[in-house]
């Protein structure tokens, strides 16, 4: 499994932000945590949508890429399937066994299994990096999401 961890404990910025609001309202830390939790769920959704299409589609399903942790916890992890590493960075040349799913994949992509096997054995597979790009695009939204939830806390 690939893990993208988002936490509010032990981080200098977030911990001091949450504790500095304690004098204003008891609910502010709760709303700041809720903002991070909402952000983490949006991040998981964006990672699902940005995942390369192909294979079984498991990574793009809610069972394949999901957030581990409840709204009340202080650490959340976006969990992704183990093969995300290979999608991100590609693979070195390696042997492909003759199995039903690999034979069908080669046939579906208009090549014989022998040709497919020789390509992977000679060159490996090309990486399709998407996780860092999605995280960088989503970080701009983190402050807005937390700010919106904290403003809700001030209104109550």
C-alpha atoms as a PDB file:
ATOM      1  CA  UNK A   1       0.000   0.000   0.000  1.00  0.00           C
ATOM      2  CA  UNK A   2       1.085   3.555  -0.724  1.00  0.00           C
ATOM      3  CA  UNK A   3       0.293   5.968   2.108  1.00  0.00           C
ATOM      4  CA  UNK A   4      -0.099   9.734   1.937  1.00  0.00           C
ATOM      5  CA  UNK A   5      -0.298  10.827   5.588  1.00  0.00           C
ATOM      6  CA  UNK A   6      -1.982  14.039   6.744  1.00  0.00           C
ATOM      7  CA  UNK A   7      -1.716  14.823  10.454  1.00  0.00           C
ATOM      8  CA  UNK A   8      -2.534  17.665  12.842  1.00  0.00           C
ATOM      9  CA  UNK A   9      -0.491  16.389  15.819  1.00  0.00           C
ATOM     10  CA  UNK A  10       3.173  17.250  16.211  1.00  0.00           C
ATOM     11  CA  UNK A  11       3.254  19.727  13.329  1.00  0.00           C
ATOM     12  CA  UNK A  12       4.553  23.137  14.484  1.00  0.00           C
ATOM     13  CA  UNK A  13       2.184  25.155  12.322  1.00  0.00           C
ATOM     14  CA  UNK A  14      -0.991  23.163  12.831  1.00  0.00           C
ATOM     15  CA  UNK A  15      -0.474  22.462  16.533  1.00  0.00           C
ATOM     16  CA  UNK A  16       0.161  26.109  17.365  1.00  0.00           C
ATOM     17  CA  UNK A  17      -2.718  27.171  15.122  1.00  0.00           C
ATOM     18  CA  UNK A  18      -5.132  24.853  16.869  1.00  0.00           C
ATOM     19  CA  UNK A  19      -3.901  25.703  20.397  1.00  0.00           C
ATOM     20  CA  UNK A  20      -3.927  29.458  19.752  1.00  0.00           C
ATOM     21  CA  UNK A  21      -7.631  29.295  18.964  1.00  0.00           C
ATOM     22  CA  UNK A  22      -8.394  27.620  22.304  1.00  0.00           C
ATOM     23  CA  UNK A  23      -8.827  30.970  24.041  1.00  0.00           C
ATOM     24  CA  UNK A  24     -11.524  32.025  21.558  1.00  0.00           C
ATOM     25  CA  UNK A  25     -13.639  28.951  21.350  1.00  0.00           C
ATOM     26  CA  UNK A  26     -13.538  25.359  22.435  1.00  0.00           C
ATOM     27  CA  UNK A  27     -14.896  24.306  19.036  1.00  0.00           C
ATOM     28  CA  UNK A  28     -12.168  25.862  16.861  1.00  0.00           C
ATOM     29  CA  UNK A  29      -9.706  22.920  17.098  1.00  0.00           C
ATOM     30  CA  UNK A  30     -12.550  20.601  16.187  1.00  0.00           C
ATOM     31  CA  UNK A  31     -13.362  22.688  13.106  1.00  0.00           C
ATOM     32  CA  UNK A  32      -9.687  22.977  12.086  1.00  0.00           C
ATOM     33  CA  UNK A  33      -9.377  19.182  12.285  1.00  0.00           C
ATOM     34  CA  UNK A  34     -12.599  18.849  10.296  1.00  0.00           C
ATOM     35  CA  UNK A  35     -11.065  21.079   7.623  1.00  0.00           C
ATOM     36  CA  UNK A  36      -8.000  18.849   7.364  1.00  0.00           C
ATOM     37  CA  UNK A  37     -10.222  15.756   7.280  1.00  0.00           C
ATOM     38  CA  UNK A  38     -12.325  17.237   4.458  1.00  0.00           C
ATOM     39  CA  UNK A  39      -9.146  18.174   2.591  1.00  0.00           C
ATOM     40  CA  UNK A  40      -7.815  14.615   2.954  1.00  0.00           C
ATOM     41  CA  UNK A  41     -11.042  13.190   1.537  1.00  0.00           C
ATOM     42  CA  UNK A  42     -10.882  15.598  -1.413  1.00  0.00           C
ATOM     43  CA  UNK A  43      -7.266  14.607  -1.959  1.00  0.00           C
ATOM     44  CA  UNK A  44      -8.219  10.916  -2.055  1.00  0.00           C
ATOM     45  CA  UNK A  45     -10.958  11.688  -4.591  1.00  0.00           C
ATOM     46  CA  UNK A  46      -8.541  13.651  -6.789  1.00  0.00           C
ATOM     47  CA  UNK A  47      -5.966  10.861  -6.612  1.00  0.00           C
ATOM     48  CA  UNK A  48      -8.653   8.382  -7.662  1.00  0.00           C
ATOM     49  CA  UNK A  49      -9.583  10.512 -10.661  1.00  0.00           C
ATOM     50  CA  UNK A  50      -5.962  11.208 -11.667  1.00  0.00           C
ATOM     51  CA  UNK A  51      -4.880   7.567 -11.525  1.00  0.00           C
ATOM     52  CA  UNK A  52      -3.884   6.176 -14.921  1.00  0.00           C
ATOM     53  CA  UNK A  53      -6.713   4.322 -16.620  1.00  0.00           C
ATOM     54  CA  UNK A  54      -6.139   0.662 -17.327  1.00  0.00           C
ATOM     55  CA  UNK A  55      -5.776  -2.601 -15.535  1.00  0.00           C
ATOM     56  CA  UNK A  56      -8.595  -3.614 -13.250  1.00  0.00           C
ATOM     57  CA  UNK A  57      -9.669  -0.109 -12.272  1.00  0.00           C
ATOM     58  CA  UNK A  58      -9.202  -1.039  -8.616  1.00  0.00           C
ATOM     59  CA  UNK A  59      -7.125   2.064  -7.874  1.00  0.00           C
ATOM     60  CA  UNK A  60      -9.889   4.299  -9.186  1.00  0.00           C
ATOM     61  CA  UNK A  61     -12.493   2.632  -6.956  1.00  0.00           C
ATOM     62  CA  UNK A  62     -13.334   3.718  -3.414  1.00  0.00           C
ATOM     63  CA  UNK A  63     -12.037   0.375  -2.124  1.00  0.00           C
ATOM     64  CA  UNK A  64      -8.708   0.857  -3.906  1.00  0.00           C
ATOM     65  CA  UNK A  65      -7.924   4.438  -2.845  1.00  0.00           C
ATOM     66  CA  UNK A  66      -9.478   5.500   0.451  1.00  0.00           C
ATOM     67  CA  UNK A  67      -8.909   7.559   3.597  1.00  0.00           C
ATOM     68  CA  UNK A  68      -7.923   5.622   6.714  1.00  0.00           C
ATOM     69  CA  UNK A  69      -8.949   7.392   9.901  1.00  0.00           C
ATOM     70  CA  UNK A  70     -12.165   8.876  11.220  1.00  0.00           C
ATOM     71  CA  UNK A  71     -13.193  12.505  11.414  1.00  0.00           C
ATOM     72  CA  UNK A  72     -12.327  12.582  15.133  1.00  0.00           C
ATOM     73  CA  UNK A  73      -8.777  11.232  14.767  1.00  0.00           C
ATOM     74  CA  UNK A  74      -5.796  13.531  14.258  1.00  0.00           C
ATOM     75  CA  UNK A  75      -3.972  11.526  11.576  1.00  0.00           C
ATOM     76  CA  UNK A  76      -5.417  10.444   8.250  1.00  0.00           C
ATOM     77  CA  UNK A  77      -3.835   8.348   5.541  1.00  0.00           C
ATOM     78  CA  UNK A  78      -4.813   8.133   1.910  1.00  0.00           C
ATOM     79  CA  UNK A  79      -4.268   4.454   1.203  1.00  0.00           C
ATOM     80  CA  UNK A  80      -3.515   3.305  -2.328  1.00  0.00           C
ATOM     81  CA  UNK A  81      -2.791  -0.161  -3.789  1.00  0.00           C
ATOM     82  CA  UNK A  82       0.742  -1.576  -3.642  1.00  0.00           C
ATOM     83  CA  UNK A  83       1.222  -1.345  -7.400  1.00  0.00           C
ATOM     84  CA  UNK A  84       0.958   2.458  -7.321  1.00  0.00           C
ATOM     85  CA  UNK A  85       4.743   2.486  -6.871  1.00  0.00           C
ATOM     86  CA  UNK A  86       5.154   0.744 -10.223  1.00  0.00           C
ATOM     87  CA  UNK A  87       2.704   3.112 -11.913  1.00  0.00           C
ATOM     88  CA  UNK A  88       4.577   6.117 -10.523  1.00  0.00           C
ATOM     89  CA  UNK A  89       8.145   5.117 -11.294  1.00  0.00           C
ATOM     90  CA  UNK A  90       7.834   2.367 -13.896  1.00  0.00           C
ATOM     91  CA  UNK A  91       9.626  -0.946 -13.678  1.00  0.00           C
ATOM     92  CA  UNK A  92      12.975  -2.341 -14.672  1.00  0.00           C
ATOM     93  CA  UNK A  93      13.030  -5.084 -17.310  1.00  0.00           C
ATOM     94  CA  UNK A  94      11.496  -8.227 -15.876  1.00  0.00           C
ATOM     95  CA  UNK A  95       9.908 -11.546 -16.790  1.00  0.00           C
ATOM     96  CA  UNK A  96       6.161 -11.736 -17.423  1.00  0.00           C
ATOM     97  CA  UNK A  97       4.615 -15.174 -16.792  1.00  0.00           C
ATOM     98  CA  UNK A  98       2.019 -16.514 -19.202  1.00  0.00           C
ATOM     99  CA  UNK A  99      -1.252 -16.095 -17.305  1.00  0.00           C
ATOM    100  CA  UNK A 100      -4.785 -15.527 -18.465  1.00  0.00           C
ATOM    101  CA  UNK A 101      -4.864 -11.860 -17.482  1.00  0.00           C
ATOM    102  CA  UNK A 102      -1.538 -11.008 -19.142  1.00  0.00           C
ATOM    103  CA  UNK A 103      -2.463 -12.877 -22.329  1.00  0.00           C
ATOM    104  CA  UNK A 104      -5.817 -11.092 -22.419  1.00  0.00           C
ATOM    105  CA  UNK A 105      -4.164  -7.700 -21.764  1.00  0.00           C
ATOM    106  CA  UNK A 106      -1.787  -8.213 -24.714  1.00  0.00           C
ATOM    107  CA  UNK A 107      -4.637  -9.335 -26.982  1.00  0.00           C
ATOM    108  CA  UNK A 108      -6.768  -6.359 -25.912  1.00  0.00           C
ATOM    109  CA  UNK A 109      -3.913  -4.002 -26.855  1.00  0.00           C
ATOM    110  CA  UNK A 110      -3.424  -5.569 -30.278  1.00  0.00           C
ATOM    111  CA  UNK A 111      -0.265  -7.599 -29.741  1.00  0.00           C
ATOM    112  CA  UNK A 112       0.697 -11.174 -29.209  1.00  0.00           C
ATOM    113  CA  UNK A 113       1.738 -12.284 -25.769  1.00  0.00           C
ATOM    114  CA  UNK A 114       5.245 -13.120 -27.010  1.00  0.00           C
ATOM    115  CA  UNK A 115       5.722  -9.584 -28.308  1.00  0.00           C
ATOM    116  CA  UNK A 116       4.359  -8.072 -25.072  1.00  0.00           C
ATOM    117  CA  UNK A 117       6.670 -10.257 -22.987  1.00  0.00           C
ATOM    118  CA  UNK A 118       9.700  -9.310 -25.107  1.00  0.00           C
ATOM    119  CA  UNK A 119       8.929  -5.576 -24.721  1.00  0.00           C
ATOM    120  CA  UNK A 120       8.710  -5.758 -20.934  1.00  0.00           C
ATOM    121  CA  UNK A 121      11.751  -8.040 -20.718  1.00  0.00           C
ATOM    122  CA  UNK A 122      13.804  -5.616 -22.829  1.00  0.00           C
ATOM    123  CA  UNK A 123      12.649  -2.180 -21.632  1.00  0.00           C
ATOM    124  CA  UNK A 124      10.515  -2.559 -18.513  1.00  0.00           C
ATOM    125  CA  UNK A 125       7.515  -0.259 -18.206  1.00  0.00           C
ATOM    126  CA  UNK A 126       7.277   3.516 -18.320  1.00  0.00           C
ATOM    127  CA  UNK A 127       6.241   5.403 -15.191  1.00  0.00           C
ATOM    128  CA  UNK A 128       3.183   7.657 -15.095  1.00  0.00           C
ATOM    129  CA  UNK A 129       3.804   9.988 -12.130  1.00  0.00           C
ATOM    130  CA  UNK A 130       0.644  11.625 -10.862  1.00  0.00           C
ATOM    131  CA  UNK A 131       0.676  11.646  -7.034  1.00  0.00           C
ATOM    132  CA  UNK A 132       3.044  14.572  -6.490  1.00  0.00           C
ATOM    133  CA  UNK A 133       1.271  16.658  -9.147  1.00  0.00           C
ATOM    134  CA  UNK A 134      -2.124  16.081  -7.528  1.00  0.00           C
ATOM    135  CA  UNK A 135      -0.784  16.874  -4.041  1.00  0.00           C
ATOM    136  CA  UNK A 136       0.846  20.110  -5.241  1.00  0.00           C
ATOM    137  CA  UNK A 137      -2.372  21.191  -6.962  1.00  0.00           C
ATOM    138  CA  UNK A 138      -4.402  20.354  -3.860  1.00  0.00           C
ATOM    139  CA  UNK A 139      -2.156  22.113  -1.313  1.00  0.00           C
ATOM    140  CA  UNK A 140      -3.433  25.516  -2.454  1.00  0.00           C
ATOM    141  CA  UNK A 141      -6.882  24.440  -1.339  1.00  0.00           C
ATOM    142  CA  UNK A 142      -5.775  23.256   2.119  1.00  0.00           C
ATOM    143  CA  UNK A 143      -5.759  26.728   3.689  1.00  0.00           C
ATOM    144  CA  UNK A 144      -9.117  27.601   2.155  1.00  0.00           C
ATOM    145  CA  UNK A 145     -10.729  24.404   3.415  1.00  0.00           C
ATOM    146  CA  UNK A 146      -9.393  24.829   6.962  1.00  0.00           C
ATOM    147  CA  UNK A 147     -10.255  28.550   6.953  1.00  0.00           C
ATOM    148  CA  UNK A 148     -13.818  27.858   5.879  1.00  0.00           C
ATOM    149  CA  UNK A 149     -14.302  25.321   8.668  1.00  0.00           C
ATOM    150  CA  UNK A 150     -12.717  27.606  11.294  1.00  0.00           C
ATOM    151  CA  UNK A 151     -15.014  30.463  10.221  1.00  0.00           C
ATOM    152  CA  UNK A 152     -17.918  28.089  10.776  1.00  0.00           C
ATOM    153  CA  UNK A 153     -16.607  27.561  14.308  1.00  0.00           C
ATOM    154  CA  UNK A 154     -16.503  31.320  14.982  1.00  0.00           C
ATOM    155  CA  UNK A 155     -20.119  31.693  13.823  1.00  0.00           C
ATOM    156  CA  UNK A 156     -21.387  29.077  16.259  1.00  0.00           C
END
